[in-house]
Amino acid sequence: MPDITKCSGVDCPHRDGCYRYTSKPSDYQSYFMTPPIKDGKCDHYWGEQAESIWNQLNHILKPNDNDSRRNTSKDARRPRSRHNS
């Protein structure tokens, strides 16, 4: 169940390929008041690759505790001064 603003797809030529239209709604789903179409274009279009990109971004922002790329040592968390080498 997506935690996104869905779209009703009314009069949208892109709705069949847009995740905001095709995703299954959650029980408490938010929707755009009107589809955000202007001049036949949508700045909020969420195409086929969007879910994959979204999952990759979530992984980057919330890395797994076992992720070896994450450095949680005190030195890594301390801001570095321009004067320190």
PDB file of N, CA and C in Angstrom:
ATOM      1  N   MET A   1       0.835  -1.173   0.000  1.00  0.00           N
ATOM      2  CA  MET A   1       0.000   0.000   0.000  1.00  0.00           C
ATOM      3  C   MET A   1       0.883   1.241   0.000  1.00  0.00           C
ATOM      4  N   PRO A   2       0.712   2.060  -0.974  1.00  0.00           N
ATOM      5  CA  PRO A   2       1.624   3.193  -1.143  1.00  0.00           C
ATOM      6  C   PRO A   2       1.369   4.327  -0.154  1.00  0.00           C
ATOM      7  N   ASP A   3       2.457   4.934   0.264  1.00  0.00           N
ATOM      8  CA  ASP A   3       2.380   6.125   1.105  1.00  0.00           C
ATOM      9  C   ASP A   3       2.686   7.316   0.205  1.00  0.00           C
ATOM     10  N   ILE A   4       1.793   7.524  -0.768  1.00  0.00           N
ATOM     11  CA  ILE A   4       1.965   8.587  -1.751  1.00  0.00           C
ATOM     12  C   ILE A   4       0.634   9.292  -1.946  1.00  0.00           C
ATOM     13  N   THR A   5       0.656  10.427  -2.604  1.00  0.00           N
ATOM     14  CA  THR A   5      -0.578  11.068  -3.031  1.00  0.00           C
ATOM     15  C   THR A   5      -0.972  10.431  -4.349  1.00  0.00           C
ATOM     16  N   LYS A   6      -2.134   9.784  -4.356  1.00  0.00           N
ATOM     17  CA  LYS A   6      -2.618   9.130  -5.567  1.00  0.00           C
ATOM     18  C   LYS A   6      -3.365  10.122  -6.433  1.00  0.00           C
ATOM     19  N   CYS A   7      -3.654   9.691  -7.644  1.00  0.00           N
ATOM     20  CA  CYS A   7      -4.361  10.528  -8.609  1.00  0.00           C
ATOM     21  C   CYS A   7      -5.583   9.762  -9.112  1.00  0.00           C
ATOM     22  N   SER A   8      -6.689  10.462  -9.267  1.00  0.00           N
ATOM     23  CA  SER A   8      -7.906   9.822  -9.791  1.00  0.00           C
ATOM     24  C   SER A   8      -7.781   9.517 -11.277  1.00  0.00           C
ATOM     25  N   GLY A   9      -6.891  10.201 -11.972  1.00  0.00           N
ATOM     26  CA  GLY A   9      -6.650   9.954 -13.382  1.00  0.00           C
ATOM     27  C   GLY A   9      -7.724  10.481 -14.320  1.00  0.00           C
ATOM     28  N   VAL A  10      -8.654  11.281 -13.807  1.00  0.00           N
ATOM     29  CA  VAL A  10      -9.732  11.808 -14.645  1.00  0.00           C
ATOM     30  C   VAL A  10      -9.149  12.655 -15.779  1.00  0.00           C
ATOM     31  N   ASP A  11      -9.501  12.304 -16.999  1.00  0.00           N
ATOM     32  CA  ASP A  11      -9.047  13.003 -18.206  1.00  0.00           C
ATOM     33  C   ASP A  11      -7.525  13.053 -18.362  1.00  0.00           C
ATOM     34  N   CYS A  12      -6.838  12.104 -17.772  1.00  0.00           N
ATOM     35  CA  CYS A  12      -5.374  12.073 -17.888  1.00  0.00           C
ATOM     36  C   CYS A  12      -4.957  11.079 -18.965  1.00  0.00           C
ATOM     37  N   PRO A  13      -4.213  11.528 -19.960  1.00  0.00           N
ATOM     38  CA  PRO A  13      -3.780  10.623 -21.020  1.00  0.00           C
ATOM     39  C   PRO A  13      -2.652   9.680 -20.581  1.00  0.00           C
ATOM     40  N   HIS A  14      -2.047   9.928 -19.416  1.00  0.00           N
ATOM     41  CA  HIS A  14      -0.895   9.149 -18.948  1.00  0.00           C
ATOM     42  C   HIS A  14      -1.249   8.166 -17.832  1.00  0.00           C
ATOM     43  N   ARG A  15      -2.507   8.127 -17.419  1.00  0.00           N
ATOM     44  CA  ARG A  15      -2.878   7.402 -16.198  1.00  0.00           C
ATOM     45  C   ARG A  15      -2.553   5.913 -16.220  1.00  0.00           C
ATOM     46  N   ASP A  16      -2.683   5.243 -17.347  1.00  0.00           N
ATOM     47  CA  ASP A  16      -2.457   3.798 -17.380  1.00  0.00           C
ATOM     48  C   ASP A  16      -1.003   3.410 -17.112  1.00  0.00           C
ATOM     49  N   GLY A  17      -0.070   4.325 -17.302  1.00  0.00           N
ATOM     50  CA  GLY A  17       1.336   4.052 -17.036  1.00  0.00           C
ATOM     51  C   GLY A  17       1.852   4.744 -15.792  1.00  0.00           C
ATOM     52  N   CYS A  18       0.942   5.324 -15.005  1.00  0.00           N
ATOM     53  CA  CYS A  18       1.359   6.114 -13.840  1.00  0.00           C
ATOM     54  C   CYS A  18       1.052   5.374 -12.539  1.00  0.00           C
ATOM     55  N   TYR A  19       2.063   5.234 -11.713  1.00  0.00           N
ATOM     56  CA  TYR A  19       1.929   4.538 -10.432  1.00  0.00           C
ATOM     57  C   TYR A  19       0.935   5.247  -9.511  1.00  0.00           C
ATOM     58  N   ARG A  20       0.835   6.553  -9.611  1.00  0.00           N
ATOM     59  CA  ARG A  20      -0.112   7.295  -8.765  1.00  0.00           C
ATOM     60  C   ARG A  20      -1.561   6.905  -9.077  1.00  0.00           C
ATOM     61  N   TYR A  21      -1.813   6.412 -10.269  1.00  0.00           N
ATOM     62  CA  TYR A  21      -3.150   5.968 -10.662  1.00  0.00           C
ATOM     63  C   TYR A  21      -3.320   4.460 -10.479  1.00  0.00           C
ATOM     64  N   THR A  22      -2.319   3.675 -10.847  1.00  0.00           N
ATOM     65  CA  THR A  22      -2.458   2.218 -10.886  1.00  0.00           C
ATOM     66  C   THR A  22      -2.211   1.523  -9.549  1.00  0.00           C
ATOM     67  N   SER A  23      -1.542   2.170  -8.605  1.00  0.00           N
ATOM     68  CA  SER A  23      -1.237   1.518  -7.330  1.00  0.00           C
ATOM     69  C   SER A  23      -2.502   1.281  -6.506  1.00  0.00           C
ATOM     70  N   LYS A  24      -2.452   0.248  -5.692  1.00  0.00           N
ATOM     71  CA  LYS A  24      -3.580  -0.079  -4.824  1.00  0.00           C
ATOM     72  C   LYS A  24      -3.625   0.939  -3.680  1.00  0.00           C
ATOM     73  N   PRO A  25      -4.773   1.551  -3.432  1.00  0.00           N
ATOM     74  CA  PRO A  25      -4.851   2.554  -2.365  1.00  0.00           C
ATOM     75  C   PRO A  25      -4.815   1.927  -0.975  1.00  0.00           C
ATOM     76  N   SER A  26      -4.307   2.672  -0.015  1.00  0.00           N
ATOM     77  CA  SER A  26      -4.332   2.224   1.379  1.00  0.00           C
ATOM     78  C   SER A  26      -5.694   2.589   1.973  1.00  0.00           C
ATOM     79  N   ASP A  27      -5.930   2.183   3.199  1.00  0.00           N
ATOM     80  CA  ASP A  27      -7.209   2.475   3.854  1.00  0.00           C
ATOM     81  C   ASP A  27      -7.426   3.974   4.039  1.00  0.00           C
ATOM     82  N   TYR A  28      -6.371   4.695   4.303  1.00  0.00           N
ATOM     83  CA  TYR A  28      -6.453   6.143   4.509  1.00  0.00           C
ATOM     84  C   TYR A  28      -5.591   6.821   3.447  1.00  0.00           C
ATOM     85  N   GLN A  29      -6.067   6.806   2.227  1.00  0.00           N
ATOM     86  CA  GLN A  29      -5.284   7.266   1.089  1.00  0.00           C
ATOM     87  C   GLN A  29      -5.548   8.733   0.780  1.00  0.00           C
ATOM     88  N   SER A  30      -4.479   9.479   0.508  1.00  0.00           N
ATOM     89  CA  SER A  30      -4.633  10.865   0.061  1.00  0.00           C
ATOM     90  C   SER A  30      -4.623  10.900  -1.468  1.00  0.00           C
ATOM     91  N   TYR A  31      -5.394  11.836  -2.023  1.00  0.00           N
ATOM     92  CA  TYR A  31      -5.508  12.017  -3.464  1.00  0.00           C
ATOM     93  C   TYR A  31      -5.338  13.488  -3.805  1.00  0.00           C
ATOM     94  N   PHE A  32      -4.855  13.757  -5.013  1.00  0.00           N
ATOM     95  CA  PHE A  32      -4.871  15.123  -5.518  1.00  0.00           C
ATOM     96  C   PHE A  32      -6.328  15.563  -5.610  1.00  0.00           C
ATOM     97  N   MET A  33      -6.605  16.830  -5.316  1.00  0.00           N
ATOM     98  CA  MET A  33      -7.973  17.351  -5.450  1.00  0.00           C
ATOM     99  C   MET A  33      -8.414  17.269  -6.916  1.00  0.00           C
ATOM    100  N   THR A  34      -7.547  17.651  -7.828  1.00  0.00           N
ATOM    101  CA  THR A  34      -7.770  17.518  -9.266  1.00  0.00           C
ATOM    102  C   THR A  34      -6.478  16.988  -9.872  1.00  0.00           C
ATOM    103  N   PRO A  35      -6.556  16.188 -10.901  1.00  0.00           N
ATOM    104  CA  PRO A  35      -5.326  15.689 -11.530  1.00  0.00           C
ATOM    105  C   PRO A  35      -4.427  16.865 -11.943  1.00  0.00           C
ATOM    106  N   PRO A  36      -3.148  16.791 -11.647  1.00  0.00           N
ATOM    107  CA  PRO A  36      -2.226  17.911 -11.907  1.00  0.00           C
ATOM    108  C   PRO A  36      -1.754  18.000 -13.354  1.00  0.00           C
ATOM    109  N   ILE A  37      -2.672  17.969 -14.293  1.00  0.00           N
ATOM    110  CA  ILE A  37      -2.344  18.027 -15.718  1.00  0.00           C
ATOM    111  C   ILE A  37      -2.411  19.475 -16.188  1.00  0.00           C
ATOM    112  N   LYS A  38      -1.341  19.934 -16.825  1.00  0.00           N
ATOM    113  CA  LYS A  38      -1.309  21.271 -17.428  1.00  0.00           C
ATOM    114  C   LYS A  38      -0.698  21.139 -18.814  1.00  0.00           C
ATOM    115  N   ASP A  39      -1.428  21.591 -19.807  1.00  0.00           N
ATOM    116  CA  ASP A  39      -0.966  21.525 -21.197  1.00  0.00           C
ATOM    117  C   ASP A  39      -0.590  20.095 -21.605  1.00  0.00           C
ATOM    118  N   GLY A  40      -1.344  19.118 -21.110  1.00  0.00           N
ATOM    119  CA  GLY A  40      -1.103  17.728 -21.474  1.00  0.00           C
ATOM    120  C   GLY A  40       0.087  17.083 -20.777  1.00  0.00           C
ATOM    121  N   LYS A  41       0.696  17.781 -19.824  1.00  0.00           N
ATOM    122  CA  LYS A  41       1.861  17.259 -19.097  1.00  0.00           C
ATOM    123  C   LYS A  41       1.566  17.209 -17.603  1.00  0.00           C
ATOM    124  N   CYS A  42       2.258  16.331 -16.923  1.00  0.00           N
ATOM    125  CA  CYS A  42       2.069  16.181 -15.482  1.00  0.00           C
ATOM    126  C   CYS A  42       3.437  16.179 -14.792  1.00  0.00           C
ATOM    127  N   ASP A  43       3.638  17.133 -13.906  1.00  0.00           N
ATOM    128  CA  ASP A  43       4.898  17.199 -13.150  1.00  0.00           C
ATOM    129  C   ASP A  43       4.979  16.116 -12.076  1.00  0.00           C
ATOM    130  N   HIS A  44       3.869  15.442 -11.812  1.00  0.00           N
ATOM    131  CA  HIS A  44       3.826  14.418 -10.760  1.00  0.00           C
ATOM    132  C   HIS A  44       3.719  13.004 -11.326  1.00  0.00           C
ATOM    133  N   TYR A  45       3.953  12.863 -12.629  1.00  0.00           N
ATOM    134  CA  TYR A  45       3.889  11.544 -13.272  1.00  0.00           C
ATOM    135  C   TYR A  45       4.885  10.594 -12.622  1.00  0.00           C
ATOM    136  N   TRP A  46       4.432   9.383 -12.339  1.00  0.00           N
ATOM    137  CA  TRP A  46       5.264   8.380 -11.685  1.00  0.00           C
ATOM    138  C   TRP A  46       5.257   7.146 -12.579  1.00  0.00           C
ATOM    139  N   GLY A  47       6.244   7.076 -13.482  1.00  0.00           N
ATOM    140  CA  GLY A  47       6.299   6.018 -14.496  1.00  0.00           C
ATOM    141  C   GLY A  47       6.700   4.661 -13.966  1.00  0.00           C
ATOM    142  N   GLU A  48       6.903   3.717 -14.890  1.00  0.00           N
ATOM    143  CA  GLU A  48       7.168   2.319 -14.557  1.00  0.00           C
ATOM    144  C   GLU A  48       8.393   2.119 -13.675  1.00  0.00           C
ATOM    145  N   GLN A  49       9.440   2.869 -13.900  1.00  0.00           N
ATOM    146  CA  GLN A  49      10.674   2.708 -13.131  1.00  0.00           C
ATOM    147  C   GLN A  49      10.625   3.403 -11.774  1.00  0.00           C
ATOM    148  N   ALA A  50       9.593   4.154 -11.519  1.00  0.00           N
ATOM    149  CA  ALA A  50       9.536   4.973 -10.309  1.00  0.00           C
ATOM    150  C   ALA A  50       9.590   4.160  -9.024  1.00  0.00           C
ATOM    151  N   GLU A  51       8.904   3.030  -8.968  1.00  0.00           N
ATOM    152  CA  GLU A  51       8.916   2.243  -7.740  1.00  0.00           C
ATOM    153  C   GLU A  51      10.319   1.728  -7.449  1.00  0.00           C
ATOM    154  N   SER A  52      11.020   1.300  -8.470  1.00  0.00           N
ATOM    155  CA  SER A  52      12.387   0.838  -8.295  1.00  0.00           C
ATOM    156  C   SER A  52      13.284   1.970  -7.792  1.00  0.00           C
ATOM    157  N   ILE A  53      13.124   3.145  -8.375  1.00  0.00           N
ATOM    158  CA  ILE A  53      13.908   4.302  -7.944  1.00  0.00           C
ATOM    159  C   ILE A  53      13.558   4.662  -6.510  1.00  0.00           C
ATOM    160  N   TRP A  54      12.269   4.643  -6.184  1.00  0.00           N
ATOM    161  CA  TRP A  54      11.807   4.955  -4.828  1.00  0.00           C
ATOM    162  C   TRP A  54      12.435   3.992  -3.820  1.00  0.00           C
ATOM    163  N   ASN A  55      12.449   2.706  -4.132  1.00  0.00           N
ATOM    164  CA  ASN A  55      13.034   1.713  -3.225  1.00  0.00           C
ATOM    165  C   ASN A  55      14.536   1.938  -3.061  1.00  0.00           C
ATOM    166  N   GLN A  56      15.218   2.304  -4.133  1.00  0.00           N
ATOM    167  CA  GLN A  56      16.648   2.583  -4.036  1.00  0.00           C
ATOM    168  C   GLN A  56      16.912   3.804  -3.158  1.00  0.00           C
ATOM    169  N   LEU A  57      16.105   4.839  -3.316  1.00  0.00           N
ATOM    170  CA  LEU A  57      16.269   6.034  -2.484  1.00  0.00           C
ATOM    171  C   LEU A  57      15.991   5.723  -1.024  1.00  0.00           C
ATOM    172  N   ASN A  58      14.971   4.938  -0.749  1.00  0.00           N
ATOM    173  CA  ASN A  58      14.683   4.552   0.631  1.00  0.00           C
ATOM    174  C   ASN A  58      15.841   3.773   1.228  1.00  0.00           C
ATOM    175  N   HIS A  59      16.460   2.909   0.430  1.00  0.00           N
ATOM    176  CA  HIS A  59      17.607   2.147   0.916  1.00  0.00           C
ATOM    177  C   HIS A  59      18.779   3.073   1.258  1.00  0.00           C
ATOM    178  N   ILE A  60      18.980   4.089   0.458  1.00  0.00           N
ATOM    179  CA  ILE A  60      20.060   5.045   0.707  1.00  0.00           C
ATOM    180  C   ILE A  60      19.777   5.863   1.963  1.00  0.00           C
ATOM    181  N   LEU A  61      18.532   6.302   2.103  1.00  0.00           N
ATOM    182  CA  LEU A  61      18.173   7.151   3.231  1.00  0.00           C
ATOM    183  C   LEU A  61      18.021   6.382   4.533  1.00  0.00           C
ATOM    184  N   LYS A  62      17.627   5.127   4.451  1.00  0.00           N
ATOM    185  CA  LYS A  62      17.431   4.292   5.635  1.00  0.00           C
ATOM    186  C   LYS A  62      18.195   2.990   5.458  1.00  0.00           C
ATOM    187  N   PRO A  63      19.520   3.040   5.507  1.00  0.00           N
ATOM    188  CA  PRO A  63      20.299   1.826   5.252  1.00  0.00           C
ATOM    189  C   PRO A  63      20.057   0.758   6.316  1.00  0.00           C
ATOM    190  N   ASN A  64      20.181  -0.462   5.912  1.00  0.00           N
ATOM    191  CA  ASN A  64      20.064  -1.612   6.790  1.00  0.00           C
ATOM    192  C   ASN A  64      21.192  -1.566   7.818  1.00  0.00           C
ATOM    193  N   ASP A  65      20.923  -2.011   9.046  1.00  0.00           N
ATOM    194  CA  ASP A  65      21.954  -2.019  10.089  1.00  0.00           C
ATOM    195  C   ASP A  65      23.158  -2.872   9.708  1.00  0.00           C
ATOM    196  N   ASN A  66      22.963  -3.835   8.829  1.00  0.00           N
ATOM    197  CA  ASN A  66      24.055  -4.701   8.390  1.00  0.00           C
ATOM    198  C   ASN A  66      24.778  -4.149   7.171  1.00  0.00           C
ATOM    199  N   ASP A  67      24.380  -2.986   6.702  1.00  0.00           N
ATOM    200  CA  ASP A  67      24.976  -2.389   5.506  1.00  0.00           C
ATOM    201  C   ASP A  67      26.407  -1.962   5.810  1.00  0.00           C
ATOM    202  N   SER A  68      27.368  -2.520   5.110  1.00  0.00           N
ATOM    203  CA  SER A  68      28.781  -2.238   5.380  1.00  0.00           C
ATOM    204  C   SER A  68      29.190  -0.834   4.949  1.00  0.00           C
ATOM    205  N   ARG A  69      28.383  -0.175   4.103  1.00  0.00           N
ATOM    206  CA  ARG A  69      28.724   1.174   3.649  1.00  0.00           C
ATOM    207  C   ARG A  69      28.447   2.219   4.723  1.00  0.00           C
ATOM    208  N   ARG A  70      27.688   1.851   5.725  1.00  0.00           N
ATOM    209  CA  ARG A  70      27.302   2.797   6.766  1.00  0.00           C
ATOM    210  C   ARG A  70      28.385   2.856   7.827  1.00  0.00           C
ATOM    211  N   ASN A  71      28.905   4.036   8.087  1.00  0.00           N
ATOM    212  CA  ASN A  71      29.942   4.219   9.092  1.00  0.00           C
ATOM    213  C   ASN A  71      29.353   5.006  10.249  1.00  0.00           C
ATOM    214  N   THR A  72      29.220   4.351  11.417  1.00  0.00           N
ATOM    215  CA  THR A  72      28.587   5.007  12.559  1.00  0.00           C
ATOM    216  C   THR A  72      29.574   5.339  13.666  1.00  0.00           C
ATOM    217  N   SER A  73      30.859   5.272  13.363  1.00  0.00           N
ATOM    218  CA  SER A  73      31.844   5.598  14.395  1.00  0.00           C
ATOM    219  C   SER A  73      31.732   7.068  14.781  1.00  0.00           C
ATOM    220  N   LYS A  74      32.243   7.409  15.954  1.00  0.00           N
ATOM    221  CA  LYS A  74      32.171   8.797  16.416  1.00  0.00           C
ATOM    222  C   LYS A  74      32.850   9.746  15.442  1.00  0.00           C
ATOM    223  N   ASP A  75      33.962   9.319  14.853  1.00  0.00           N
ATOM    224  CA  ASP A  75      34.676  10.177  13.906  1.00  0.00           C
ATOM    225  C   ASP A  75      33.837  10.451  12.666  1.00  0.00           C
ATOM    226  N   ALA A  76      33.061   9.492  12.241  1.00  0.00           N
ATOM    227  CA  ALA A  76      32.244   9.667  11.044  1.00  0.00           C
ATOM    228  C   ALA A  76      31.091  10.631  11.297  1.00  0.00           C
ATOM    229  N   ARG A  77      30.611  10.675  12.552  1.00  0.00           N
ATOM    230  CA  ARG A  77      29.484  11.547  12.866  1.00  0.00           C
ATOM    231  C   ARG A  77      29.913  12.959  13.213  1.00  0.00           C
ATOM    232  N   ARG A  78      31.166  13.149  13.580  1.00  0.00           N
ATOM    233  CA  ARG A  78      31.667  14.457  13.985  1.00  0.00           C
ATOM    234  C   ARG A  78      31.921  15.327  12.761  1.00  0.00           C
ATOM    235  N   PRO A  79      31.390  16.551  12.744  1.00  0.00           N
ATOM    236  CA  PRO A  79      31.667  17.445  11.597  1.00  0.00           C
ATOM    237  C   PRO A  79      33.156  17.739  11.526  1.00  0.00           C
ATOM    238  N   ARG A  80      33.664  17.778  10.326  1.00  0.00           N
ATOM    239  CA  ARG A  80      35.087  18.025  10.132  1.00  0.00           C
ATOM    240  C   ARG A  80      35.316  19.509   9.947  1.00  0.00           C
ATOM    241  N   SER A  81      36.338  19.997  10.565  1.00  0.00           N
ATOM    242  CA  SER A  81      36.734  21.377  10.416  1.00  0.00           C
ATOM    243  C   SER A  81      37.605  21.499   9.174  1.00  0.00           C
ATOM    244  N   ARG A  82      37.569  22.656   8.540  1.00  0.00           N
ATOM    245  CA  ARG A  82      38.429  22.855   7.373  1.00  0.00           C
ATOM    246  C   ARG A  82      39.890  22.857   7.774  1.00  0.00           C
ATOM    247  N   HIS A  83      40.161  23.096   9.047  1.00  0.00           N
ATOM    248  CA  HIS A  83      41.544  23.189   9.509  1.00  0.00           C
ATOM    249  C   HIS A  83      42.120  21.843   9.910  1.00  0.00           C
ATOM    250  N   ASN A  84      41.265  20.830  10.085  1.00  0.00           N
ATOM    251  CA  ASN A  84      41.747  19.502  10.424  1.00  0.00           C
ATOM    252  C   ASN A  84      42.112  18.756   9.158  1.00  0.00           C
ATOM    253  N   SER A  85      43.168  17.975   9.216  1.00  0.00           N
ATOM    254  CA  SER A  85      43.576  17.184   8.059  1.00  0.00           C
ATOM    255  C   SER A  85      43.277  15.735   8.283  1.00  0.00           C
TER     256      SER A  85
END
